[in-house]
């Protein structure tokens, strides 16, 4: 006997699959999109701060050594 609020097409397996996909989607969402972040050093990796900024992607960190850099920097 079926209850009025149940869908016979979904069934117990459907609910288990739905819950498994829901849990999996939350696990995937919790992972960072890219774990390939870099630490870029100026002047070791790039001679100028601007060159380091131009090559950086989201999540990268630019480390600038102490010193005087005669340049204009645009973000």
PDB file of N, CA and C in Angstrom:
ATOM      1  N   UNK A   1       0.838  -1.166   0.000  1.00  0.00           N
ATOM      2  CA  UNK A   1       0.000   0.000   0.000  1.00  0.00           C
ATOM      3  C   UNK A   1       0.895   1.245   0.000  1.00  0.00           C
ATOM      4  N   UNK A   2       0.613   2.168  -0.878  1.00  0.00           N
ATOM      5  CA  UNK A   2       1.402   3.390  -0.997  1.00  0.00           C
ATOM      6  C   UNK A   2       0.753   4.521  -0.227  1.00  0.00           C
ATOM      7  N   UNK A   3       1.612   5.316   0.399  1.00  0.00           N
ATOM      8  CA  UNK A   3       1.097   6.523   1.034  1.00  0.00           C
ATOM      9  C   UNK A   3       0.876   7.564  -0.047  1.00  0.00           C
ATOM     10  N   UNK A   4       0.009   8.512   0.225  1.00  0.00           N
ATOM     11  CA  UNK A   4      -0.298   9.544  -0.761  1.00  0.00           C
ATOM     12  C   UNK A   4       0.912  10.423  -1.073  1.00  0.00           C
ATOM     13  N   UNK A   5       1.794  10.634  -0.085  1.00  0.00           N
ATOM     14  CA  UNK A   5       2.915  11.555  -0.288  1.00  0.00           C
ATOM     15  C   UNK A   5       4.175  10.867  -0.812  1.00  0.00           C
ATOM     16  N   UNK A   6       4.124   9.572  -1.094  1.00  0.00           N
ATOM     17  CA  UNK A   6       5.309   8.881  -1.598  1.00  0.00           C
ATOM     18  C   UNK A   6       5.226   8.727  -3.107  1.00  0.00           C
ATOM     19  N   UNK A   7       6.374   8.753  -3.740  1.00  0.00           N
ATOM     20  CA  UNK A   7       6.454   8.596  -5.188  1.00  0.00           C
ATOM     21  C   UNK A   7       7.029   7.220  -5.466  1.00  0.00           C
ATOM     22  N   UNK A   8       6.280   6.325  -6.084  1.00  0.00           N
ATOM     23  CA  UNK A   8       6.763   4.961  -6.296  1.00  0.00           C
ATOM     24  C   UNK A   8       7.983   4.905  -7.218  1.00  0.00           C
ATOM     25  N   UNK A   9       8.215   5.924  -8.022  1.00  0.00           N
ATOM     26  CA  UNK A   9       9.368   5.915  -8.924  1.00  0.00           C
ATOM     27  C   UNK A   9      10.665   6.194  -8.162  1.00  0.00           C
ATOM     28  N   UNK A  10      10.576   6.914  -7.073  1.00  0.00           N
ATOM     29  CA  UNK A  10      11.776   7.300  -6.329  1.00  0.00           C
ATOM     30  C   UNK A  10      12.230   6.166  -5.416  1.00  0.00           C
ATOM     31  N   UNK A  11      11.364   5.673  -4.602  1.00  0.00           N
ATOM     32  CA  UNK A  11      11.637   4.516  -3.755  1.00  0.00           C
ATOM     33  C   UNK A  11      12.792   4.696  -2.786  1.00  0.00           C
ATOM     34  N   UNK A  12      13.108   3.599  -2.085  1.00  0.00           N
ATOM     35  CA  UNK A  12      14.170   3.620  -1.079  1.00  0.00           C
ATOM     36  C   UNK A  12      15.538   3.825  -1.728  1.00  0.00           C
ATOM     37  N   UNK A  13      15.794   3.161  -2.840  1.00  0.00           N
ATOM     38  CA  UNK A  13      17.083   3.319  -3.530  1.00  0.00           C
ATOM     39  C   UNK A  13      17.280   4.752  -4.010  1.00  0.00           C
ATOM     40  N   UNK A  14      16.213   5.343  -4.468  1.00  0.00           N
ATOM     41  CA  UNK A  14      16.288   6.730  -4.935  1.00  0.00           C
ATOM     42  C   UNK A  14      16.681   7.682  -3.824  1.00  0.00           C
ATOM     43  N   UNK A  15      16.105   7.483  -2.638  1.00  0.00           N
ATOM     44  CA  UNK A  15      16.445   8.332  -1.500  1.00  0.00           C
ATOM     45  C   UNK A  15      17.890   8.118  -1.071  1.00  0.00           C
ATOM     46  N   UNK A  16      18.337   6.880  -1.076  1.00  0.00           N
ATOM     47  CA  UNK A  16      19.727   6.593  -0.705  1.00  0.00           C
ATOM     48  C   UNK A  16      20.675   7.247  -1.704  1.00  0.00           C
ATOM     49  N   UNK A  17      20.369   7.133  -2.985  1.00  0.00           N
ATOM     50  CA  UNK A  17      21.192   7.759  -4.015  1.00  0.00           C
ATOM     51  C   UNK A  17      21.188   9.276  -3.868  1.00  0.00           C
ATOM     52  N   UNK A  18      20.017   9.830  -3.617  1.00  0.00           N
ATOM     53  CA  UNK A  18      19.902  11.275  -3.431  1.00  0.00           C
ATOM     54  C   UNK A  18      20.750  11.750  -2.254  1.00  0.00           C
ATOM     55  N   UNK A  19      20.655  11.069  -1.133  1.00  0.00           N
ATOM     56  CA  UNK A  19      21.430  11.456   0.046  1.00  0.00           C
ATOM     57  C   UNK A  19      22.929  11.286  -0.186  1.00  0.00           C
ATOM     58  N   UNK A  20      23.320  10.222  -0.872  1.00  0.00           N
ATOM     59  CA  UNK A  20      24.736  10.011  -1.174  1.00  0.00           C
ATOM     60  C   UNK A  20      25.274  11.125  -2.064  1.00  0.00           C
ATOM     61  N   UNK A  21      24.515  11.507  -3.076  1.00  0.00           N
ATOM     62  CA  UNK A  21      24.942  12.600  -3.952  1.00  0.00           C
ATOM     63  C   UNK A  21      24.985  13.929  -3.212  1.00  0.00           C
ATOM     64  N   UNK A  22      24.057  14.126  -2.297  1.00  0.00           N
ATOM     65  CA  UNK A  22      24.043  15.350  -1.506  1.00  0.00           C
ATOM     66  C   UNK A  22      25.296  15.449  -0.637  1.00  0.00           C
ATOM     67  N   UNK A  23      25.645  14.362   0.029  1.00  0.00           N
ATOM     68  CA  UNK A  23      26.853  14.336   0.862  1.00  0.00           C
ATOM     69  C   UNK A  23      28.089  14.530  -0.002  1.00  0.00           C
ATOM     70  N   UNK A  24      28.146  13.856  -1.132  1.00  0.00           N
ATOM     71  CA  UNK A  24      29.284  13.977  -2.036  1.00  0.00           C
ATOM     72  C   UNK A  24      29.438  15.400  -2.559  1.00  0.00           C
ATOM     73  N   UNK A  25      28.336  16.039  -2.887  1.00  0.00           N
ATOM     74  CA  UNK A  25      28.417  17.405  -3.405  1.00  0.00           C
ATOM     75  C   UNK A  25      28.944  18.361  -2.343  1.00  0.00           C
ATOM     76  N   UNK A  26      28.614  18.126  -1.090  1.00  0.00           N
ATOM     77  CA  UNK A  26      29.147  18.971  -0.021  1.00  0.00           C
ATOM     78  C   UNK A  26      30.635  18.719   0.178  1.00  0.00           C
ATOM     79  N   UNK A  27      31.081  17.494   0.002  1.00  0.00           N
ATOM     80  CA  UNK A  27      32.503  17.183   0.133  1.00  0.00           C
ATOM     81  C   UNK A  27      33.302  17.825  -0.990  1.00  0.00           C
ATOM     82  N   UNK A  28      32.787  17.775  -2.192  1.00  0.00           N
ATOM     83  CA  UNK A  28      33.476  18.390  -3.328  1.00  0.00           C
ATOM     84  C   UNK A  28      33.514  19.895  -3.155  1.00  0.00           C
ATOM     85  N   UNK A  29      32.423  20.477  -2.677  1.00  0.00           N
ATOM     86  CA  UNK A  29      32.349  21.916  -2.484  1.00  0.00           C
ATOM     87  C   UNK A  29      33.330  22.378  -1.413  1.00  0.00           C
ATOM     88  N   UNK A  30      33.637  21.533  -0.447  1.00  0.00           N
ATOM     89  CA  UNK A  30      34.531  21.905   0.643  1.00  0.00           C
ATOM     90  C   UNK A  30      35.991  21.925   0.208  1.00  0.00           C
ATOM     91  N   UNK A  31      36.315  21.275  -0.899  1.00  0.00           N
ATOM     92  CA  UNK A  31      37.693  21.233  -1.372  1.00  0.00           C
ATOM     93  C   UNK A  31      38.027  22.522  -2.109  1.00  0.00           C
ATOM     94  N   UNK A  32      39.253  23.006  -1.965  1.00  0.00           N
ATOM     95  CA  UNK A  32      39.643  24.196  -2.724  1.00  0.00           C
ATOM     96  C   UNK A  32      39.637  23.886  -4.215  1.00  0.00           C
ATOM     97  N   UNK A  33      39.321  24.893  -5.003  1.00  0.00           N
ATOM     98  CA  UNK A  33      39.277  24.689  -6.447  1.00  0.00           C
ATOM     99  C   UNK A  33      40.649  24.373  -7.012  1.00  0.00           C
ATOM    100  N   UNK A  34      41.643  25.018  -6.483  1.00  0.00           N
ATOM    101  CA  UNK A  34      42.992  24.764  -6.972  1.00  0.00           C
ATOM    102  C   UNK A  34      43.944  24.753  -5.792  1.00  0.00           C
ATOM    103  N   UNK A  35      44.586  23.630  -5.578  1.00  0.00           N
ATOM    104  CA  UNK A  35      45.552  23.554  -4.492  1.00  0.00           C
ATOM    105  C   UNK A  35      46.951  23.862  -4.997  1.00  0.00           C
ATOM    106  N   UNK A  36      47.056  24.285  -6.247  1.00  0.00           N
ATOM    107  CA  UNK A  36      48.353  24.575  -6.852  1.00  0.00           C
ATOM    108  C   UNK A  36      48.694  26.054  -6.707  1.00  0.00           C
ATOM    109  N   UNK A  37      48.652  26.554  -5.481  1.00  0.00           N
ATOM    110  CA  UNK A  37      49.037  27.945  -5.262  1.00  0.00           C
ATOM    111  C   UNK A  37      50.551  28.038  -5.198  1.00  0.00           C
ATOM    112  N   UNK A  38      51.054  29.191  -5.592  1.00  0.00           N
ATOM    113  CA  UNK A  38      52.497  29.377  -5.623  1.00  0.00           C
ATOM    114  C   UNK A  38      52.897  30.494  -4.678  1.00  0.00           C
ATOM    115  N   UNK A  39      54.140  30.450  -4.292  1.00  0.00           N
ATOM    116  CA  UNK A  39      54.759  31.547  -3.568  1.00  0.00           C
ATOM    117  C   UNK A  39      55.801  32.126  -4.516  1.00  0.00           C
ATOM    118  N   UNK A  40      55.567  33.347  -4.964  1.00  0.00           N
ATOM    119  CA  UNK A  40      56.432  33.993  -5.946  1.00  0.00           C
ATOM    120  C   UNK A  40      57.341  34.971  -5.215  1.00  0.00           C
ATOM    121  N   UNK A  41      58.639  34.842  -5.442  1.00  0.00           N
ATOM    122  CA  UNK A  41      59.616  35.697  -4.766  1.00  0.00           C
ATOM    123  C   UNK A  41      60.188  36.725  -5.737  1.00  0.00           C
ATOM    124  N   UNK A  42      60.221  37.975  -5.277  1.00  0.00           N
ATOM    125  CA  UNK A  42      60.854  39.056  -6.027  1.00  0.00           C
ATOM    126  C   UNK A  42      62.088  39.447  -5.234  1.00  0.00           C
ATOM    127  N   UNK A  43      63.256  39.494  -5.811  1.00  0.00           N
ATOM    128  CA  UNK A  43      63.613  39.383  -7.220  1.00  0.00           C
ATOM    129  C   UNK A  43      64.094  37.998  -7.646  1.00  0.00           C
ATOM    130  N   UNK A  44      63.965  36.971  -6.819  1.00  0.00           N
ATOM    131  CA  UNK A  44      64.484  35.643  -7.181  1.00  0.00           C
ATOM    132  C   UNK A  44      63.744  35.042  -8.378  1.00  0.00           C
ATOM    133  N   UNK A  45      62.402  35.065  -8.364  1.00  0.00           N
ATOM    134  CA  UNK A  45      61.622  34.477  -9.454  1.00  0.00           C
ATOM    135  C   UNK A  45      61.372  35.477 -10.589  1.00  0.00           C
ATOM    136  N   UNK A  46      61.120  36.722 -10.228  1.00  0.00           N
ATOM    137  CA  UNK A  46      60.885  37.790 -11.202  1.00  0.00           C
ATOM    138  C   UNK A  46      61.680  39.011 -10.768  1.00  0.00           C
ATOM    139  N   UNK A  47      62.199  39.755 -11.732  1.00  0.00           N
ATOM    140  CA  UNK A  47      63.019  40.922 -11.402  1.00  0.00           C
ATOM    141  C   UNK A  47      62.190  42.079 -10.876  1.00  0.00           C
ATOM    142  N   UNK A  48      60.924  42.174 -11.310  1.00  0.00           N
ATOM    143  CA  UNK A  48      60.084  43.293 -10.884  1.00  0.00           C
ATOM    144  C   UNK A  48      58.832  42.789 -10.176  1.00  0.00           C
ATOM    145  N   UNK A  49      58.289  43.664  -9.344  1.00  0.00           N
ATOM    146  CA  UNK A  49      57.045  43.341  -8.643  1.00  0.00           C
ATOM    147  C   UNK A  49      55.909  43.207  -9.655  1.00  0.00           C
ATOM    148  N   UNK A  50      55.905  44.095 -10.654  1.00  0.00           N
ATOM    149  CA  UNK A  50      54.849  44.059 -11.664  1.00  0.00           C
ATOM    150  C   UNK A  50      54.860  42.753 -12.440  1.00  0.00           C
ATOM    151  N   UNK A  51      56.033  42.245 -12.774  1.00  0.00           N
ATOM    152  CA  UNK A  51      56.121  40.966 -13.491  1.00  0.00           C
ATOM    153  C   UNK A  51      55.564  39.832 -12.632  1.00  0.00           C
ATOM    154  N   UNK A  52      55.821  39.886 -11.330  1.00  0.00           N
ATOM    155  CA  UNK A  52      55.285  38.871 -10.417  1.00  0.00           C
ATOM    156  C   UNK A  52      53.765  38.962 -10.346  1.00  0.00           C
ATOM    157  N   UNK A  53      53.246  40.191 -10.275  1.00  0.00           N
ATOM    158  CA  UNK A  53      51.791  40.388 -10.237  1.00  0.00           C
ATOM    159  C   UNK A  53      51.149  39.883 -11.524  1.00  0.00           C
ATOM    160  N   UNK A  54      51.778  40.194 -12.654  1.00  0.00           N
ATOM    161  CA  UNK A  54      51.222  39.782 -13.947  1.00  0.00           C
ATOM    162  C   UNK A  54      51.165  38.261 -14.091  1.00  0.00           C
ATOM    163  N   UNK A  55      52.103  37.557 -13.485  1.00  0.00           N
ATOM    164  CA  UNK A  55      52.121  36.097 -13.625  1.00  0.00           C
ATOM    165  C   UNK A  55      51.312  35.387 -12.545  1.00  0.00           C
ATOM    166  N   UNK A  56      50.932  36.102 -11.506  1.00  0.00           N
ATOM    167  CA  UNK A  56      50.216  35.482 -10.385  1.00  0.00           C
ATOM    168  C   UNK A  56      48.778  35.151 -10.771  1.00  0.00           C
ATOM    169  N   UNK A  57      48.282  34.079 -10.178  1.00  0.00           N
ATOM    170  CA  UNK A  57      46.879  33.703 -10.328  1.00  0.00           C
ATOM    171  C   UNK A  57      46.228  33.749  -8.950  1.00  0.00           C
ATOM    172  N   UNK A  58      44.928  33.568  -8.900  1.00  0.00           N
ATOM    173  CA  UNK A  58      44.193  33.637  -7.635  1.00  0.00           C
ATOM    174  C   UNK A  58      44.773  32.657  -6.624  1.00  0.00           C
ATOM    175  N   UNK A  59      45.061  33.146  -5.431  1.00  0.00           N
ATOM    176  CA  UNK A  59      45.598  32.307  -4.365  1.00  0.00           C
ATOM    177  C   UNK A  59      47.104  32.349  -4.248  1.00  0.00           C
ATOM    178  N   UNK A  60      47.794  32.855  -5.268  1.00  0.00           N
ATOM    179  CA  UNK A  60      49.252  32.951  -5.200  1.00  0.00           C
ATOM    180  C   UNK A  60      49.659  34.028  -4.204  1.00  0.00           C
ATOM    181  N   UNK A  61      50.838  33.883  -3.655  1.00  0.00           N
ATOM    182  CA  UNK A  61      51.374  34.853  -2.707  1.00  0.00           C
ATOM    183  C   UNK A  61      52.681  35.392  -3.265  1.00  0.00           C
ATOM    184  N   UNK A  62      52.809  36.720  -3.263  1.00  0.00           N
ATOM    185  CA  UNK A  62      54.027  37.357  -3.754  1.00  0.00           C
ATOM    186  C   UNK A  62      54.812  37.845  -2.552  1.00  0.00           C
ATOM    187  N   UNK A  63      56.055  37.389  -2.450  1.00  0.00           N
ATOM    188  CA  UNK A  63      56.943  37.773  -1.356  1.00  0.00           C
ATOM    189  C   UNK A  63      58.020  38.675  -1.945  1.00  0.00           C
ATOM    190  N   UNK A  64      58.073  39.905  -1.454  1.00  0.00           N
ATOM    191  CA  UNK A  64      59.028  40.886  -1.970  1.00  0.00           C
ATOM    192  C   UNK A  64      60.152  41.052  -0.964  1.00  0.00           C
ATOM    193  N   UNK A  65      61.381  40.853  -1.442  1.00  0.00           N
ATOM    194  CA  UNK A  65      62.558  41.007  -0.583  1.00  0.00           C
ATOM    195  C   UNK A  65      62.746  42.487  -0.254  1.00  0.00           C
ATOM    196  N   UNK A  66      63.338  42.773   0.897  1.00  0.00           N
ATOM    197  CA  UNK A  66      63.596  44.169   1.260  1.00  0.00           C
ATOM    198  C   UNK A  66      64.483  44.838   0.210  1.00  0.00           C
ATOM    199  N   UNK A  67      64.219  46.085  -0.015  1.00  0.00           N
ATOM    200  CA  UNK A  67      65.030  46.834  -0.966  1.00  0.00           C
ATOM    201  C   UNK A  67      64.211  47.920  -1.619  1.00  0.00           C
ATOM    202  N   UNK A  68      64.852  48.635  -2.546  1.00  0.00           N
ATOM    203  CA  UNK A  68      64.203  49.720  -3.265  1.00  0.00           C
ATOM    204  C   UNK A  68      63.864  49.235  -4.664  1.00  0.00           C
ATOM    205  N   UNK A  69      62.619  49.384  -5.052  1.00  0.00           N
ATOM    206  CA  UNK A  69      62.156  48.970  -6.372  1.00  0.00           C
ATOM    207  C   UNK A  69      61.624  50.212  -7.081  1.00  0.00           C
ATOM    208  N   UNK A  70      62.350  50.669  -8.091  1.00  0.00           N
ATOM    209  CA  UNK A  70      61.987  51.878  -8.828  1.00  0.00           C
ATOM    210  C   UNK A  70      61.034  51.498  -9.957  1.00  0.00           C
ATOM    211  N   UNK A  71      59.759  51.399  -9.630  1.00  0.00           N
ATOM    212  CA  UNK A  71      58.756  51.005 -10.619  1.00  0.00           C
ATOM    213  C   UNK A  71      57.375  51.426 -10.152  1.00  0.00           C
ATOM    214  N   UNK A  72      56.455  51.464 -11.080  1.00  0.00           N
ATOM    215  CA  UNK A  72      55.043  51.685 -10.767  1.00  0.00           C
ATOM    216  C   UNK A  72      54.363  50.323 -10.782  1.00  0.00           C
ATOM    217  N   UNK A  73      53.476  50.116  -9.837  1.00  0.00           N
ATOM    218  CA  UNK A  73      52.804  48.825  -9.719  1.00  0.00           C
ATOM    219  C   UNK A  73      51.312  49.028  -9.958  1.00  0.00           C
ATOM    220  N   UNK A  74      50.757  48.200 -10.867  1.00  0.00           N
ATOM    221  CA  UNK A  74      49.329  48.248 -11.180  1.00  0.00           C
ATOM    222  C   UNK A  74      48.717  46.886 -10.877  1.00  0.00           C
ATOM    223  N   UNK A  75      47.648  46.891 -10.083  1.00  0.00           N
ATOM    224  CA  UNK A  75      46.987  45.638  -9.711  1.00  0.00           C
ATOM    225  C   UNK A  75      45.927  45.281 -10.713  1.00  0.00           C
TER     226      UNK A  75
END
